[in-house]
Amino acid sequence: MKKWEYLTIKLETSGWLIGGNFNETKLDEYMNILGEDGWELVSAFDTNKNQGASKDIVAIFKREL
């Protein structure tokens, strides 16, 4: 049976009042570095700040042990 390890990263959004802006380039950098180390993105979602604005972007990765 395969065994996995998991990694979660969180990127904060920015913006006055509404929020919801985040640095896509930073996410790409994380994903490329992790991909080179064998990590695979399995899920990504945002957390709610208020009135539908995003507080954080959360990405979950896995790789085989």
Protein backbone atom coordinates (compact mmCIF):
# COMPACT_ATOMS: atom_id res chain seq x y z
CA MET A 1 0.00 0.00 0.00
CA LYS A 2 1.29 3.48 -0.86
CA LYS A 3 2.00 5.89 1.96
CA TRP A 4 1.80 9.65 1.61
CA GLU A 5 3.00 12.74 3.41
CA TYR A 6 1.16 16.04 3.17
CA LEU A 7 2.14 19.71 3.19
CA THR A 8 -0.14 22.74 3.57
CA ILE A 9 0.86 26.27 2.60
CA LYS A 10 -1.13 29.43 3.27
CA LEU A 11 -0.81 32.68 1.32
CA GLU A 12 -2.36 35.78 2.83
CA THR A 13 -4.43 38.10 0.67
CA SER A 14 -4.12 41.86 0.81
CA GLY A 15 -6.21 44.88 0.06
CA TRP A 16 -7.85 47.56 2.14
CA LEU A 17 -11.38 46.73 3.32
CA ILE A 18 -12.27 44.12 0.72
CA GLY A 19 -9.08 42.05 0.52
CA GLY A 20 -8.88 39.16 -1.87
CA ASN A 21 -5.73 40.16 -3.76
CA PHE A 22 -2.86 37.70 -3.64
CA ASN A 23 0.48 37.29 -5.35
CA GLU A 24 0.07 34.66 -8.09
CA THR A 25 3.79 34.82 -8.83
CA LYS A 26 4.58 33.77 -5.26
CA LEU A 27 2.17 30.84 -5.55
CA ASP A 28 3.77 29.80 -8.86
CA GLU A 29 7.22 29.92 -7.24
CA TYR A 30 6.06 27.73 -4.34
CA MET A 31 4.40 25.26 -6.70
CA ASN A 32 7.44 24.98 -8.99
CA ILE A 33 9.85 24.45 -6.08
CA LEU A 34 7.58 21.89 -4.44
CA GLY A 35 6.95 20.15 -7.76
CA GLU A 36 10.70 19.70 -8.26
CA ASP A 37 10.79 18.00 -4.85
CA GLY A 38 8.04 15.56 -5.82
CA TRP A 39 5.06 17.36 -4.23
CA GLU A 40 1.74 17.26 -6.11
CA LEU A 41 -1.04 19.82 -5.59
CA VAL A 42 -4.19 17.99 -4.48
CA SER A 43 -6.43 20.85 -3.33
CA ALA A 44 -6.58 24.63 -3.15
CA PHE A 45 -9.23 26.86 -1.61
CA ASP A 46 -9.73 30.25 0.01
CA THR A 47 -10.86 31.15 3.51
CA ASN A 48 -13.53 33.77 4.09
CA LYS A 49 -12.67 37.18 5.56
CA ASN A 50 -16.02 38.97 5.42
CA GLN A 51 -18.83 39.52 2.94
CA GLY A 52 -17.31 36.98 0.55
CA ALA A 53 -13.78 38.42 0.48
CA SER A 54 -10.90 35.95 0.70
CA LYS A 55 -8.65 36.01 3.75
CA ASP A 56 -6.11 33.34 2.78
CA ILE A 57 -5.39 30.98 -0.10
CA VAL A 58 -4.65 27.47 1.17
CA ALA A 59 -2.90 24.85 -0.97
CA ILE A 60 -2.47 21.20 0.05
CA PHE A 61 0.23 19.04 -1.48
CA LYS A 62 1.12 15.35 -1.18
CA ARG A 63 4.02 13.11 -2.13
CA GLU A 64 4.71 9.46 -1.77
CA LEU A 65 6.88 8.38 1.15
